[in-house]
Amino acid sequence: MLSMVLCGQQYVAPAPSGAANGYALGGFNGSNLSEIDGIQFSDETALNPSATLSVARRAAAGVSSTSKGYAMGGIVSASSTEIDGIQFSNNTAINPSATLSVARFLPVGISSSTKGYAVGGFTGSANSNKIDGILFSTEAAITASAVLPNANRAGTSISSLTKGYYAGGYESAYSSAIYTFLFSTETTTTIVATSATSAAMGAASSSNGYIMGGNTGTNTNVISMIDFATEATSTLVATLSISRNSAAGVSSATSGYAMGGDSGVSTTRIDGILFSNNTAIIPSAVLSVARASTCGVQGT
């Protein structure tokens, strides 16, 4: 299972009040995919732009600026340093020259307002504690001096305005740790809250982060929550409509969505949570291509 699980992460942007669309980039359905599709937030209808990733792959980290979404790393036939993605304004493909400093798959993606980071992952021989990525303004490669406290893969990523959160994942066993990355100083800490799951999907409102589904030996549909103000966790605030891991997690201003994933087979399912009252939602939209090990980005 862990060879399949995604950047379980899922990226979510800080305070995603301006995001209009959520996209699933790449993934796996018997073979690696370059397909990009997703959901339009305003009416929860399906999106299927003609743009594709430059390299078909799975288990990448998804990050977003205000104008572009990037898939970083992943696995092609081996672990990759590739960075490519989508321009939100016209749904066209992008392929900056920047690459990750260390090839790996199953990293998580976290984003500040200025930078996107790939955190952790698996090199093909060992877990990584690396934090690197892309500077949005110039699309130049960056490497943070900080590293994860423990090498980890297949965690869940959530971003607030000030911090990125790396929850759960797999170290020498399923991890219950939540690591934080403070954007202003690029330093890491470990908080008391726990999340013993891997390859879950992340979403965020302006005040809370959500960990949706994932795998701890078996798939789960549980949605738990992190309060950004107190960094305390609450479990089982709602449930996904089907248990699964390795979907793309995206957020609008009002809702968080898990798109696709591995429920035993790759799925086209889109479901999630309404932030205002923490209730489950199931839009009628579905992905155009069933996929697991996909990563999510969102933008205008």
Protein backbone atom coordinates (compact mmCIF):
# COMPACT_ATOMS: atom_id res chain seq x y z
CA MET A 1 0.00 0.00 0.00
CA LEU A 2 2.72 2.50 0.86
CA SER A 3 4.26 2.18 -2.57
CA MET A 4 0.98 3.47 -3.97
CA VAL A 5 0.03 6.07 -1.41
CA LEU A 6 0.22 9.61 -2.45
CA CYS A 7 1.59 12.77 -1.40
CA GLY A 8 -1.22 12.05 0.93
CA GLN A 9 -0.56 15.39 1.90
CA GLN A 10 -2.52 17.36 -0.13
CA TYR A 11 -1.75 20.80 -0.40
CA VAL A 12 -3.95 23.59 0.73
CA ALA A 13 -3.28 27.25 0.33
CA PRO A 14 -3.15 29.78 3.14
CA ALA A 15 -6.57 31.38 3.67
CA PRO A 16 -7.92 30.24 0.29
CA SER A 17 -10.58 32.98 0.07
CA GLY A 18 -9.79 33.82 -3.56
CA ALA A 19 -9.57 30.33 -5.00
CA ALA A 20 -12.10 29.65 -7.76
CA ASN A 21 -11.06 26.16 -8.88
CA GLY A 22 -9.44 23.04 -7.48
CA TYR A 23 -7.30 20.75 -9.65
CA ALA A 24 -6.00 17.19 -9.39
CA LEU A 25 -2.61 16.88 -11.11
CA GLY A 26 -1.32 13.54 -12.40
CA GLY A 27 -1.70 10.33 -10.42
CA PHE A 28 -2.01 6.63 -11.09
CA ASN A 29 -4.64 4.32 -12.59
CA GLY A 30 -2.78 1.26 -13.81
CA SER A 31 -0.15 3.62 -15.24
CA ASN A 32 1.11 7.09 -14.45
CA LEU A 33 -1.13 9.97 -15.55
CA SER A 34 -0.46 13.45 -16.90
CA GLU A 35 -4.17 14.38 -16.84
CA ILE A 36 -5.36 17.54 -15.03
CA ASP A 37 -8.98 17.91 -13.97
CA GLY A 38 -10.97 19.00 -10.92
CA ILE A 39 -13.83 21.14 -9.66
CA GLN A 40 -15.17 24.67 -10.06
CA PHE A 41 -15.93 25.85 -6.53
CA SER A 42 -18.80 28.27 -7.24
CA ASP A 43 -21.23 25.65 -8.54
CA GLU A 44 -19.31 22.42 -7.80
CA THR A 45 -19.19 21.42 -11.47
CA ALA A 46 -16.39 19.34 -12.98
CA LEU A 47 -13.38 20.89 -14.73
CA ASN A 48 -11.32 19.18 -17.43
CA PRO A 49 -8.77 21.55 -19.00
CA SER A 50 -6.84 20.38 -22.04
CA ALA A 51 -3.51 21.10 -20.29
CA THR A 52 -1.46 18.12 -19.09
CA LEU A 53 1.66 17.72 -16.98
CA SER A 54 4.90 17.65 -18.97
CA VAL A 55 5.78 14.33 -17.33
CA ALA A 56 3.20 11.67 -16.43
CA ARG A 57 3.75 10.74 -12.80
CA ARG A 58 2.26 9.97 -9.41
CA ALA A 59 2.96 10.80 -5.76
CA ALA A 60 4.10 14.40 -6.29
CA ALA A 61 3.71 17.37 -3.93
CA GLY A 62 1.17 20.02 -4.95
CA VAL A 63 1.70 23.72 -4.14
CA SER A 64 -0.03 26.89 -5.33
CA SER A 65 0.77 30.55 -5.79
CA THR A 66 -2.01 33.02 -6.56
CA SER A 67 -1.52 32.42 -10.28
CA LYS A 68 -0.06 28.92 -10.75
CA GLY A 69 -0.22 25.40 -9.38
CA TYR A 70 2.85 23.16 -9.33
CA ALA A 71 3.43 19.40 -9.04
CA MET A 72 6.87 18.79 -7.51
CA GLY A 73 8.79 15.52 -7.54
CA GLY A 74 6.89 12.23 -7.67
CA ILE A 75 7.67 8.97 -9.40
CA VAL A 76 8.02 8.48 -13.14
CA SER A 77 9.90 5.19 -13.52
CA ALA A 78 12.03 6.27 -10.56
CA SER A 79 11.93 9.16 -8.09
CA SER A 80 11.86 12.53 -9.84
CA THR A 81 13.01 16.15 -9.36
CA GLU A 82 10.49 17.49 -11.93
CA ILE A 83 8.44 20.66 -11.29
CA ASP A 84 5.58 21.48 -13.67
CA GLY A 85 1.90 22.36 -13.44
CA ILE A 86 -0.84 24.75 -14.57
CA GLN A 87 -1.40 28.49 -15.14
CA PHE A 88 -4.75 29.25 -13.52
CA SER A 89 -5.81 32.23 -15.67
CA ASN A 90 -6.02 30.27 -18.91
CA ASN A 91 -5.63 26.63 -17.81
CA THR A 92 -2.42 26.17 -19.78
CA ALA A 93 0.50 23.92 -18.87
CA ILE A 94 3.69 25.34 -17.32
CA ASN A 95 7.14 23.77 -16.99
CA PRO A 96 9.64 26.00 -15.14
CA SER A 97 13.34 25.18 -15.31
CA ALA A 98 13.60 24.77 -11.51
CA THR A 99 13.86 21.26 -10.10
CA LEU A 100 13.94 19.80 -6.60
CA SER A 101 17.40 19.43 -5.08
CA VAL A 102 16.69 15.80 -4.13
CA ALA A 103 14.67 13.39 -6.29
CA ARG A 104 11.86 11.79 -4.30
CA PHE A 105 8.21 10.78 -4.26
CA LEU A 106 5.54 10.93 -1.55
CA PRO A 107 6.59 14.36 -0.28
CA VAL A 108 3.95 16.78 1.00
CA GLY A 109 3.43 20.25 -0.41
CA ILE A 110 3.06 23.35 1.76
CA SER A 111 2.80 26.95 0.56
CA SER A 112 3.41 30.39 1.97
CA SER A 113 2.38 33.49 0.05
CA THR A 114 5.80 33.54 -1.64
CA LYS A 115 7.17 29.98 -1.76
CA GLY A 116 6.10 26.40 -2.32
CA TYR A 117 7.89 23.62 -0.45
CA ALA A 118 8.18 19.86 -0.96
CA VAL A 119 8.65 18.32 2.49
CA GLY A 120 9.96 14.83 3.25
CA GLY A 121 9.26 11.97 0.86
CA PHE A 122 10.95 8.75 -0.24
CA THR A 123 14.05 8.65 -2.42
CA GLY A 124 13.54 5.07 -3.54
CA SER A 125 15.86 3.74 -0.85
CA ALA A 126 15.10 5.79 2.27
CA ASN A 127 12.74 8.36 3.74
CA SER A 128 13.84 11.97 3.43
CA ASN A 129 13.75 14.94 5.83
CA LYS A 130 14.48 17.43 3.03
CA ILE A 131 12.57 20.70 2.55
CA ASP A 132 13.03 22.34 -0.86
CA GLY A 133 10.89 23.77 -3.64
CA ILE A 134 10.22 26.91 -5.65
CA LEU A 135 10.20 30.70 -5.24
CA PHE A 136 6.95 31.80 -6.85
CA SER A 137 8.07 35.24 -8.08
CA THR A 138 10.99 33.98 -10.19
CA GLU A 139 10.31 30.22 -10.35
CA ALA A 140 13.83 29.65 -9.05
CA ALA A 141 14.65 26.58 -6.97
CA ILE A 142 14.97 27.02 -3.19
CA THR A 143 16.24 24.87 -0.33
CA ALA A 144 15.35 25.63 3.30
CA SER A 145 18.06 25.19 5.93
CA ALA A 146 15.55 23.46 8.20
CA VAL A 147 14.69 19.76 7.87
CA LEU A 148 11.90 17.60 9.28
CA PRO A 149 12.69 16.43 12.84
CA ASN A 150 12.34 12.87 11.51
CA ALA A 151 12.57 11.60 7.93
CA ASN A 152 9.03 10.84 6.79
CA ARG A 153 6.94 10.09 3.72
CA ALA A 154 3.25 10.16 2.77
CA GLY A 155 2.11 12.67 5.36
CA THR A 156 -0.77 15.14 5.18
CA SER A 157 -0.06 18.79 4.43
CA ILE A 158 -2.04 21.77 5.63
CA SER A 159 -1.09 25.46 5.42
CA SER A 160 -2.27 28.36 7.53
CA LEU A 161 -1.23 31.96 6.83
CA THR A 162 1.86 31.56 9.00
CA LYS A 163 2.73 27.85 9.12
CA GLY A 164 2.78 24.64 7.18
CA TYR A 165 1.72 21.46 9.00
CA TYR A 166 3.04 17.97 8.22
CA ALA A 167 0.73 15.44 9.90
CA GLY A 168 1.14 11.69 10.27
CA GLY A 169 2.87 9.82 7.47
CA TYR A 170 5.22 6.86 7.69
CA GLU A 171 8.59 6.83 9.43
CA SER A 172 9.64 3.34 10.60
CA ALA A 173 5.93 2.84 11.30
CA TYR A 174 2.81 4.98 10.96
CA SER A 175 3.60 8.29 12.63
CA SER A 176 1.40 10.12 15.13
CA ALA A 177 3.51 13.30 15.03
CA ILE A 178 2.51 16.66 13.63
CA TYR A 179 5.45 18.83 12.55
CA THR A 180 5.14 22.55 11.86
CA PHE A 181 7.18 24.76 9.52
CA LEU A 182 7.12 28.47 10.40
CA PHE A 183 7.22 30.40 7.13
CA SER A 184 8.81 33.59 8.52
CA THR A 185 11.93 31.83 9.86
CA GLU A 186 11.81 28.53 7.94
CA THR A 187 12.18 26.57 11.17
CA THR A 188 10.48 23.32 12.19
CA THR A 189 8.90 22.22 15.48
CA THR A 190 6.87 19.25 16.74
CA ILE A 191 3.50 19.94 18.37
CA VAL A 192 1.64 17.79 20.89
CA ALA A 193 -1.35 17.10 18.62
CA THR A 194 -1.35 13.70 16.91
CA SER A 195 -2.44 12.21 13.60
CA ALA A 196 -1.63 8.51 13.21
CA THR A 197 -2.48 8.16 9.54
CA SER A 198 -0.65 8.23 6.22
CA ALA A 199 -1.67 9.46 2.77
CA ALA A 200 -4.59 11.47 4.09
CA MET A 201 -5.93 14.56 2.33
CA GLY A 202 -5.52 18.07 3.74
CA ALA A 203 -7.87 21.04 3.60
CA ALA A 204 -8.00 24.36 5.43
CA SER A 205 -10.33 27.21 6.30
CA SER A 206 -8.91 30.47 7.65
CA SER A 207 -9.09 29.09 11.20
CA ASN A 208 -8.84 25.30 11.00
CA GLY A 209 -6.98 22.57 9.18
CA TYR A 210 -8.62 19.25 8.26
CA ILE A 211 -7.13 15.76 7.84
CA MET A 212 -9.45 13.70 5.63
CA GLY A 213 -9.30 9.93 5.30
CA GLY A 214 -5.96 8.17 4.88
CA ASN A 215 -4.56 4.77 5.74
CA THR A 216 -3.31 3.13 8.94
CA GLY A 217 -3.18 -0.41 7.58
CA THR A 218 -6.76 -0.05 6.37
CA ASN A 219 -8.40 2.94 4.72
CA THR A 220 -10.42 5.33 6.86
CA ASN A 221 -13.11 7.93 6.17
CA VAL A 222 -12.53 9.93 9.37
CA ILE A 223 -12.09 13.72 9.12
CA SER A 224 -10.19 15.28 12.03
CA MET A 225 -9.40 18.93 12.68
CA ILE A 226 -6.51 21.11 13.85
CA ASP A 227 -7.39 24.46 15.44
CA PHE A 228 -4.76 26.88 14.12
CA ALA A 229 -5.06 29.16 17.16
CA THR A 230 -4.46 26.46 19.78
CA GLU A 231 -2.92 23.69 17.62
CA ALA A 232 -5.16 21.17 19.36
CA THR A 233 -6.78 18.35 17.38
CA SER A 234 -10.37 17.12 17.35
CA THR A 235 -11.17 13.70 15.90
CA LEU A 236 -14.17 12.59 13.87
CA VAL A 237 -15.69 15.98 13.10
CA ALA A 238 -17.24 14.42 9.97
CA THR A 239 -16.67 11.50 7.60
CA LEU A 240 -15.94 11.12 3.89
CA SER A 241 -18.54 9.25 1.85
CA ILE A 242 -16.01 6.48 1.10
CA SER A 243 -12.87 5.42 2.97
CA ARG A 244 -9.70 6.03 0.96
CA ASN A 245 -6.18 7.42 0.79
CA SER A 246 -4.02 9.21 -1.78
CA ALA A 247 -6.57 11.71 -3.10
CA ALA A 248 -6.01 15.37 -3.98
CA GLY A 249 -7.01 17.74 -1.19
CA VAL A 250 -8.13 21.26 -2.14
CA SER A 251 -9.96 24.11 -0.42
CA SER A 252 -12.33 26.87 -1.39
CA ALA A 253 -13.26 29.67 0.99
CA THR A 254 -16.14 27.55 2.29
CA SER A 255 -15.33 23.86 1.79
CA GLY A 256 -12.56 21.29 1.65
CA TYR A 257 -12.60 18.54 -0.98
CA ALA A 258 -10.93 15.15 -1.43
CA MET A 259 -10.72 14.33 -5.15
CA GLY A 260 -10.02 10.81 -6.40
CA GLY A 261 -7.94 8.44 -4.28
CA ASP A 262 -7.46 4.76 -3.56
CA SER A 263 -10.46 3.00 -2.04
CA GLY A 264 -9.13 -0.41 -3.05
CA VAL A 265 -9.37 0.78 -6.64
CA SER A 266 -8.76 4.23 -8.10
CA THR A 267 -11.87 6.40 -7.91
CA THR A 268 -13.36 9.54 -9.50
CA ARG A 269 -15.13 10.48 -6.24
CA ILE A 270 -15.19 14.08 -4.98
CA ASP A 271 -16.42 14.67 -1.42
CA GLY A 272 -15.36 16.58 1.67
CA ILE A 273 -16.44 19.01 4.38
CA LEU A 274 -18.37 22.28 4.71
CA PHE A 275 -16.29 24.49 7.00
CA SER A 276 -19.12 26.52 8.56
CA ASN A 277 -20.69 23.59 10.42
CA ASN A 278 -18.24 20.71 9.85
CA THR A 279 -20.73 18.63 7.90
CA ALA A 280 -19.93 16.22 5.08
CA ILE A 281 -20.56 17.22 1.46
CA ILE A 282 -20.83 15.16 -1.75
CA PRO A 283 -20.98 17.29 -4.91
CA SER A 284 -22.40 15.71 -8.06
CA ALA A 285 -19.13 16.46 -9.92
CA VAL A 286 -16.60 13.66 -10.39
CA LEU A 287 -13.11 13.58 -11.87
CA SER A 288 -12.94 12.77 -15.57
CA VAL A 289 -10.25 10.16 -14.88
CA ALA A 290 -10.19 7.79 -11.88
CA ARG A 291 -6.90 8.20 -10.09
CA ALA A 292 -4.96 7.66 -6.87
CA SER A 293 -1.59 9.13 -5.87
CA THR A 294 -2.66 12.50 -7.24
CA CYS A 295 -1.89 15.94 -5.81
CA GLY A 296 -4.10 19.00 -5.46
CA VAL A 297 -3.70 22.69 -6.21
CA GLN A 298 -6.22 25.53 -6.22
CA GLY A 299 -6.37 29.02 -7.62
CA THR A 300 -8.31 31.72 -9.37
